[in-house]
Amino acid sequence: MLIHVVYNNEKLGTVLPGGLQRLITANDIIAFRRSNGWVIVGEDPIRTYENETKYKGPEKRKQFMTLKFLEEIVSDK
């Protein structure tokens, strides 16, 4: 099953489930789609793995102001 993602450049794409965590950790995506809707990285709860190191520096991910903005990106594609 492929997961729909929105990359930092606002392009849509799909990834295998095993690649999603890598994209989140590398700050390469700004959102991904779960069965119950879109998840905005950095705003919505995301499962983490215990072996991950916690980043303590400033937030560098691109932030969305609203979910409506994400929906506009997705509907335009």
PDB file of N, CA and C in Angstrom:
ATOM      1  N   MET A   1       0.837  -1.174   0.000  1.00  0.00           N
ATOM      2  CA  MET A   1       0.000   0.000   0.000  1.00  0.00           C
ATOM      3  C   MET A   1       0.884   1.240   0.000  1.00  0.00           C
ATOM      4  N   LEU A   2       0.639   2.142  -0.902  1.00  0.00           N
ATOM      5  CA  LEU A   2       1.406   3.381  -0.979  1.00  0.00           C
ATOM      6  C   LEU A   2       0.745   4.470  -0.139  1.00  0.00           C
ATOM      7  N   ILE A   3       1.566   5.353   0.407  1.00  0.00           N
ATOM      8  CA  ILE A   3       1.087   6.457   1.230  1.00  0.00           C
ATOM      9  C   ILE A   3       1.265   7.751   0.449  1.00  0.00           C
ATOM     10  N   HIS A   4       0.223   8.554   0.371  1.00  0.00           N
ATOM     11  CA  HIS A   4       0.289   9.850  -0.301  1.00  0.00           C
ATOM     12  C   HIS A   4       1.019  10.849   0.599  1.00  0.00           C
ATOM     13  N   VAL A   5       1.935  11.616  -0.001  1.00  0.00           N
ATOM     14  CA  VAL A   5       2.700  12.611   0.743  1.00  0.00           C
ATOM     15  C   VAL A   5       2.719  13.925  -0.029  1.00  0.00           C
ATOM     16  N   VAL A   6       2.989  15.012   0.697  1.00  0.00           N
ATOM     17  CA  VAL A   6       3.230  16.316   0.087  1.00  0.00           C
ATOM     18  C   VAL A   6       4.651  16.693   0.464  1.00  0.00           C
ATOM     19  N   TYR A   7       5.503  16.840  -0.548  1.00  0.00           N
ATOM     20  CA  TYR A   7       6.902  17.196  -0.318  1.00  0.00           C
ATOM     21  C   TYR A   7       7.035  18.679   0.012  1.00  0.00           C
ATOM     22  N   ASN A   8       8.201  19.091   0.480  1.00  0.00           N
ATOM     23  CA  ASN A   8       8.457  20.485   0.854  1.00  0.00           C
ATOM     24  C   ASN A   8       8.218  21.456  -0.291  1.00  0.00           C
ATOM     25  N   ASN A   9       8.381  20.990  -1.517  1.00  0.00           N
ATOM     26  CA  ASN A   9       8.153  21.861  -2.673  1.00  0.00           C
ATOM     27  C   ASN A   9       6.681  21.856  -3.119  1.00  0.00           C
ATOM     28  N   GLU A  10       5.812  21.293  -2.263  1.00  0.00           N
ATOM     29  CA  GLU A  10       4.363  21.225  -2.473  1.00  0.00           C
ATOM     30  C   GLU A  10       3.951  20.275  -3.594  1.00  0.00           C
ATOM     31  N   LYS A  11       4.843  19.395  -4.024  1.00  0.00           N
ATOM     32  CA  LYS A  11       4.516  18.375  -5.018  1.00  0.00           C
ATOM     33  C   LYS A  11       3.939  17.163  -4.303  1.00  0.00           C
ATOM     34  N   LEU A  12       2.972  16.522  -4.941  1.00  0.00           N
ATOM     35  CA  LEU A  12       2.391  15.297  -4.404  1.00  0.00           C
ATOM     36  C   LEU A  12       3.210  14.099  -4.831  1.00  0.00           C
ATOM     37  N   GLY A  13       3.202  13.068  -4.006  1.00  0.00           N
ATOM     38  CA  GLY A  13       3.895  11.840  -4.340  1.00  0.00           C
ATOM     39  C   GLY A  13       3.356  10.699  -3.503  1.00  0.00           C
ATOM     40  N   THR A  14       3.889   9.516  -3.722  1.00  0.00           N
ATOM     41  CA  THR A  14       3.540   8.349  -2.928  1.00  0.00           C
ATOM     42  C   THR A  14       4.815   7.645  -2.504  1.00  0.00           C
ATOM     43  N   VAL A  15       4.766   7.027  -1.328  1.00  0.00           N
ATOM     44  CA  VAL A  15       5.917   6.284  -0.812  1.00  0.00           C
ATOM     45  C   VAL A  15       5.435   4.983  -0.197  1.00  0.00           C
ATOM     46  N   LEU A  16       6.330   4.028  -0.106  1.00  0.00           N
ATOM     47  CA  LEU A  16       6.037   2.797   0.614  1.00  0.00           C
ATOM     48  C   LEU A  16       6.047   3.095   2.107  1.00  0.00           C
ATOM     49  N   PRO A  17       5.276   2.359   2.901  1.00  0.00           N
ATOM     50  CA  PRO A  17       5.223   2.631   4.336  1.00  0.00           C
ATOM     51  C   PRO A  17       6.597   2.657   5.007  1.00  0.00           C
ATOM     52  N   GLY A  18       7.517   1.831   4.570  1.00  0.00           N
ATOM     53  CA  GLY A  18       8.850   1.793   5.166  1.00  0.00           C
ATOM     54  C   GLY A  18       9.658   3.065   4.934  1.00  0.00           C
ATOM     55  N   GLY A  19       9.313   3.842   3.924  1.00  0.00           N
ATOM     56  CA  GLY A  19      10.050   5.064   3.621  1.00  0.00           C
ATOM     57  C   GLY A  19       9.481   6.311   4.279  1.00  0.00           C
ATOM     58  N   LEU A  20       8.295   6.205   4.851  1.00  0.00           N
ATOM     59  CA  LEU A  20       7.652   7.379   5.436  1.00  0.00           C
ATOM     60  C   LEU A  20       8.453   7.954   6.601  1.00  0.00           C
ATOM     61  N   GLN A  21       8.896   7.107   7.521  1.00  0.00           N
ATOM     62  CA  GLN A  21       9.643   7.599   8.686  1.00  0.00           C
ATOM     63  C   GLN A  21      10.927   8.302   8.262  1.00  0.00           C
ATOM     64  N   ARG A  22      11.595   7.782   7.236  1.00  0.00           N
ATOM     65  CA  ARG A  22      12.816   8.419   6.753  1.00  0.00           C
ATOM     66  C   ARG A  22      12.522   9.819   6.229  1.00  0.00           C
ATOM     67  N   LEU A  23      11.432   9.974   5.480  1.00  0.00           N
ATOM     68  CA  LEU A  23      11.064  11.285   4.947  1.00  0.00           C
ATOM     69  C   LEU A  23      10.705  12.266   6.065  1.00  0.00           C
ATOM     70  N   ILE A  24      10.005  11.776   7.087  1.00  0.00           N
ATOM     71  CA  ILE A  24       9.654  12.638   8.227  1.00  0.00           C
ATOM     72  C   ILE A  24      10.913  13.072   8.957  1.00  0.00           C
ATOM     73  N   THR A  25      11.788  12.136   9.249  1.00  0.00           N
ATOM     74  CA  THR A  25      13.019  12.430   9.985  1.00  0.00           C
ATOM     75  C   THR A  25      13.913  13.392   9.220  1.00  0.00           C
ATOM     76  N   ALA A  26      13.967  13.270   7.910  1.00  0.00           N
ATOM     77  CA  ALA A  26      14.807  14.130   7.072  1.00  0.00           C
ATOM     78  C   ALA A  26      14.139  15.463   6.741  1.00  0.00           C
ATOM     79  N   ASN A  27      12.931  15.675   7.246  1.00  0.00           N
ATOM     80  CA  ASN A  27      12.170  16.904   6.962  1.00  0.00           C
ATOM     81  C   ASN A  27      11.947  17.098   5.466  1.00  0.00           C
ATOM     82  N   ASP A  28      11.721  16.002   4.757  1.00  0.00           N
ATOM     83  CA  ASP A  28      11.503  16.062   3.310  1.00  0.00           C
ATOM     84  C   ASP A  28      10.034  16.208   2.923  1.00  0.00           C
ATOM     85  N   ILE A  29       9.123  15.999   3.878  1.00  0.00           N
ATOM     86  CA  ILE A  29       7.696  16.130   3.576  1.00  0.00           C
ATOM     87  C   ILE A  29       7.043  17.057   4.593  1.00  0.00           C
ATOM     88  N   ILE A  30       5.927  17.649   4.172  1.00  0.00           N
ATOM     89  CA  ILE A  30       5.190  18.526   5.072  1.00  0.00           C
ATOM     90  C   ILE A  30       3.868  17.902   5.503  1.00  0.00           C
ATOM     91  N   ALA A  31       3.435  16.848   4.800  1.00  0.00           N
ATOM     92  CA  ALA A  31       2.193  16.180   5.170  1.00  0.00           C
ATOM     93  C   ALA A  31       2.136  14.794   4.537  1.00  0.00           C
ATOM     94  N   PHE A  32       1.320  13.928   5.150  1.00  0.00           N
ATOM     95  CA  PHE A  32       1.031  12.620   4.554  1.00  0.00           C
ATOM     96  C   PHE A  32      -0.393  12.248   4.899  1.00  0.00           C
ATOM     97  N   ARG A  33      -0.945  11.307   4.138  1.00  0.00           N
ATOM     98  CA  ARG A  33      -2.355  10.943   4.297  1.00  0.00           C
ATOM     99  C   ARG A  33      -2.490   9.624   5.035  1.00  0.00           C
ATOM    100  N   ARG A  34      -3.282   9.663   6.099  1.00  0.00           N
ATOM    101  CA  ARG A  34      -3.698   8.452   6.810  1.00  0.00           C
ATOM    102  C   ARG A  34      -5.105   8.103   6.340  1.00  0.00           C
ATOM    103  N   SER A  35      -5.588   6.957   6.777  1.00  0.00           N
ATOM    104  CA  SER A  35      -6.937   6.547   6.371  1.00  0.00           C
ATOM    105  C   SER A  35      -8.004   7.528   6.859  1.00  0.00           C
ATOM    106  N   ASN A  36      -7.715   8.250   7.954  1.00  0.00           N
ATOM    107  CA  ASN A  36      -8.711   9.188   8.484  1.00  0.00           C
ATOM    108  C   ASN A  36      -8.444  10.641   8.088  1.00  0.00           C
ATOM    109  N   GLY A  37      -7.492  10.882   7.185  1.00  0.00           N
ATOM    110  CA  GLY A  37      -7.252  12.238   6.705  1.00  0.00           C
ATOM    111  C   GLY A  37      -5.786  12.610   6.669  1.00  0.00           C
ATOM    112  N   TRP A  38      -5.521  13.871   6.341  1.00  0.00           N
ATOM    113  CA  TRP A  38      -4.157  14.367   6.201  1.00  0.00           C
ATOM    114  C   TRP A  38      -3.540  14.668   7.555  1.00  0.00           C
ATOM    115  N   VAL A  39      -2.246  14.378   7.670  1.00  0.00           N
ATOM    116  CA  VAL A  39      -1.455  14.654   8.867  1.00  0.00           C
ATOM    117  C   VAL A  39      -0.420  15.703   8.491  1.00  0.00           C
ATOM    118  N   ILE A  40      -0.375  16.790   9.233  1.00  0.00           N
ATOM    119  CA  ILE A  40       0.609  17.839   8.987  1.00  0.00           C
ATOM    120  C   ILE A  40       1.791  17.596   9.909  1.00  0.00           C
ATOM    121  N   VAL A  41       2.963  17.370   9.323  1.00  0.00           N
ATOM    122  CA  VAL A  41       4.173  17.077  10.090  1.00  0.00           C
ATOM    123  C   VAL A  41       4.530  18.311  10.923  1.00  0.00           C
ATOM    124  N   GLY A  42       4.782  18.088  12.203  1.00  0.00           N
ATOM    125  CA  GLY A  42       5.119  19.176  13.096  1.00  0.00           C
ATOM    126  C   GLY A  42       3.932  19.767  13.824  1.00  0.00           C
ATOM    127  N   GLU A  43       2.717  19.406  13.397  1.00  0.00           N
ATOM    128  CA  GLU A  43       1.515  19.909  14.063  1.00  0.00           C
ATOM    129  C   GLU A  43       0.667  18.780  14.627  1.00  0.00           C
ATOM    130  N   ASP A  44       0.457  17.732  13.843  1.00  0.00           N
ATOM    131  CA  ASP A  44      -0.377  16.614  14.274  1.00  0.00           C
ATOM    132  C   ASP A  44       0.473  15.546  14.952  1.00  0.00           C
ATOM    133  N   PRO A  45      -0.140  14.753  15.850  1.00  0.00           N
ATOM    134  CA  PRO A  45       0.610  13.683  16.519  1.00  0.00           C
ATOM    135  C   PRO A  45       1.109  12.646  15.514  1.00  0.00           C
ATOM    136  N   ILE A  46       2.364  12.288  15.665  1.00  0.00           N
ATOM    137  CA  ILE A  46       2.983  11.279  14.806  1.00  0.00           C
ATOM    138  C   ILE A  46       3.709  10.287  15.696  1.00  0.00           C
ATOM    139  N   ARG A  47       3.549   9.019  15.406  1.00  0.00           N
ATOM    140  CA  ARG A  47       4.216   7.975  16.173  1.00  0.00           C
ATOM    141  C   ARG A  47       5.731   8.120  16.015  1.00  0.00           C
ATOM    142  N   THR A  48       6.440   7.998  17.112  1.00  0.00           N
ATOM    143  CA  THR A  48       7.898   8.035  17.060  1.00  0.00           C
ATOM    144  C   THR A  48       8.436   6.695  17.547  1.00  0.00           C
ATOM    145  N   TYR A  49       9.668   6.451  17.248  1.00  0.00           N
ATOM    146  CA  TYR A  49      10.297   5.208  17.643  1.00  0.00           C
ATOM    147  C   TYR A  49      11.301   5.490  18.756  1.00  0.00           C
ATOM    148  N   GLU A  50      11.361   4.606  19.732  1.00  0.00           N
ATOM    149  CA  GLU A  50      12.191   4.826  20.911  1.00  0.00           C
ATOM    150  C   GLU A  50      13.663   4.999  20.590  1.00  0.00           C
ATOM    151  N   ASN A  51      14.133   4.409  19.517  1.00  0.00           N
ATOM    152  CA  ASN A  51      15.554   4.507  19.196  1.00  0.00           C
ATOM    153  C   ASN A  51      15.913   5.795  18.459  1.00  0.00           C
ATOM    154  N   GLU A  52      14.923   6.638  18.177  1.00  0.00           N
ATOM    155  CA  GLU A  52      15.199   7.922  17.533  1.00  0.00           C
ATOM    156  C   GLU A  52      15.761   8.897  18.547  1.00  0.00           C
ATOM    157  N   THR A  53      16.680   9.720  18.099  1.00  0.00           N
ATOM    158  CA  THR A  53      17.153  10.787  18.970  1.00  0.00           C
ATOM    159  C   THR A  53      16.189  11.950  18.844  1.00  0.00           C
ATOM    160  N   LYS A  54      15.970  12.617  19.921  1.00  0.00           N
ATOM    161  CA  LYS A  54      15.059  13.762  19.915  1.00  0.00           C
ATOM    162  C   LYS A  54      15.824  15.014  19.516  1.00  0.00           C
ATOM    163  N   TYR A  55      15.347  15.690  18.500  1.00  0.00           N
ATOM    164  CA  TYR A  55      15.961  16.924  18.032  1.00  0.00           C
ATOM    165  C   TYR A  55      15.572  18.045  18.989  1.00  0.00           C
ATOM    166  N   LYS A  56      16.556  18.786  19.496  1.00  0.00           N
ATOM    167  CA  LYS A  56      16.294  19.828  20.473  1.00  0.00           C
ATOM    168  C   LYS A  56      16.525  21.233  19.916  1.00  0.00           C
ATOM    169  N   GLY A  57      16.858  21.347  18.647  1.00  0.00           N
ATOM    170  CA  GLY A  57      17.127  22.646  18.038  1.00  0.00           C
ATOM    171  C   GLY A  57      15.857  23.335  17.568  1.00  0.00           C
ATOM    172  N   PRO A  58      16.014  24.432  16.849  1.00  0.00           N
ATOM    173  CA  PRO A  58      14.849  25.176  16.362  1.00  0.00           C
ATOM    174  C   PRO A  58      14.097  24.395  15.283  1.00  0.00           C
ATOM    175  N   GLU A  59      12.799  24.610  15.209  1.00  0.00           N
ATOM    176  CA  GLU A  59      11.959  23.947  14.212  1.00  0.00           C
ATOM    177  C   GLU A  59      12.298  24.495  12.831  1.00  0.00           C
ATOM    178  N   LYS A  60      12.605  23.587  11.891  1.00  0.00           N
ATOM    179  CA  LYS A  60      12.987  23.999  10.542  1.00  0.00           C
ATOM    180  C   LYS A  60      11.980  23.551   9.498  1.00  0.00           C
ATOM    181  N   ARG A  61      10.992  22.773   9.901  1.00  0.00           N
ATOM    182  CA  ARG A  61      10.005  22.297   8.940  1.00  0.00           C
ATOM    183  C   ARG A  61       9.109  23.435   8.501  1.00  0.00           C
ATOM    184  N   LYS A  62       8.699  23.352   7.258  1.00  0.00           N
ATOM    185  CA  LYS A  62       7.744  24.332   6.747  1.00  0.00           C
ATOM    186  C   LYS A  62       6.410  24.083   7.430  1.00  0.00           C
ATOM    187  N   GLN A  63       5.813  25.114   7.964  1.00  0.00           N
ATOM    188  CA  GLN A  63       4.554  24.983   8.695  1.00  0.00           C
ATOM    189  C   GLN A  63       3.385  25.462   7.847  1.00  0.00           C
ATOM    190  N   PHE A  64       2.277  24.775   7.957  1.00  0.00           N
ATOM    191  CA  PHE A  64       1.040  25.212   7.331  1.00  0.00           C
ATOM    192  C   PHE A  64       0.286  26.083   8.313  1.00  0.00           C
ATOM    193  N   MET A  65      -0.383  27.082   7.817  1.00  0.00           N
ATOM    194  CA  MET A  65      -1.210  27.917   8.681  1.00  0.00           C
ATOM    195  C   MET A  65      -2.524  27.196   8.994  1.00  0.00           C
ATOM    196  N   THR A  66      -3.080  26.490   8.012  1.00  0.00           N
ATOM    197  CA  THR A  66      -4.347  25.787   8.228  1.00  0.00           C
ATOM    198  C   THR A  66      -4.386  24.522   7.380  1.00  0.00           C
ATOM    199  N   LEU A  67      -5.267  23.635   7.752  1.00  0.00           N
ATOM    200  CA  LEU A  67      -5.492  22.434   6.961  1.00  0.00           C
ATOM    201  C   LEU A  67      -6.091  22.800   5.608  1.00  0.00           C
ATOM    202  N   LYS A  68      -6.819  23.900   5.540  1.00  0.00           N
ATOM    203  CA  LYS A  68      -7.416  24.351   4.279  1.00  0.00           C
ATOM    204  C   LYS A  68      -6.334  24.594   3.226  1.00  0.00           C
ATOM    205  N   PHE A  69      -5.188  25.147   3.634  1.00  0.00           N
ATOM    206  CA  PHE A  69      -4.088  25.382   2.710  1.00  0.00           C
ATOM    207  C   PHE A  69      -3.614  24.066   2.102  1.00  0.00           C
ATOM    208  N   LEU A  70      -3.497  23.029   2.920  1.00  0.00           N
ATOM    209  CA  LEU A  70      -3.096  21.710   2.434  1.00  0.00           C
ATOM    210  C   LEU A  70      -4.135  21.178   1.450  1.00  0.00           C
ATOM    211  N   GLU A  71      -5.386  21.327   1.773  1.00  0.00           N
ATOM    212  CA  GLU A  71      -6.438  20.844   0.883  1.00  0.00           C
ATOM    213  C   GLU A  71      -6.397  21.560  -0.462  1.00  0.00           C
ATOM    214  N   GLU A  72      -6.029  22.840  -0.475  1.00  0.00           N
ATOM    215  CA  GLU A  72      -5.905  23.572  -1.732  1.00  0.00           C
ATOM    216  C   GLU A  72      -4.771  23.001  -2.575  1.00  0.00           C
ATOM    217  N   ILE A  73      -3.650  22.658  -1.950  1.00  0.00           N
ATOM    218  CA  ILE A  73      -2.522  22.071  -2.684  1.00  0.00           C
ATOM    219  C   ILE A  73      -2.960  20.762  -3.321  1.00  0.00           C
ATOM    220  N   VAL A  74      -3.608  19.920  -2.539  1.00  0.00           N
ATOM    221  CA  VAL A  74      -4.017  18.595  -3.018  1.00  0.00           C
ATOM    222  C   VAL A  74      -5.057  18.704  -4.116  1.00  0.00           C
ATOM    223  N   SER A  75      -5.997  19.621  -3.994  1.00  0.00           N
ATOM    224  CA  SER A  75      -7.057  19.730  -4.993  1.00  0.00           C
ATOM    225  C   SER A  75      -6.558  20.327  -6.303  1.00  0.00           C
ATOM    226  N   ASP A  76      -5.453  21.093  -6.255  1.00  0.00           N
ATOM    227  CA  ASP A  76      -4.889  21.695  -7.464  1.00  0.00           C
ATOM    228  C   ASP A  76      -4.141  20.684  -8.327  1.00  0.00           C
ATOM    229  N   LYS A  77      -3.762  19.564  -7.784  1.00  0.00           N
ATOM    230  CA  LYS A  77      -2.918  18.595  -8.510  1.00  0.00           C
ATOM    231  C   LYS A  77      -3.748  17.602  -9.256  1.00  0.00           C
TER     232      LYS A  77
END
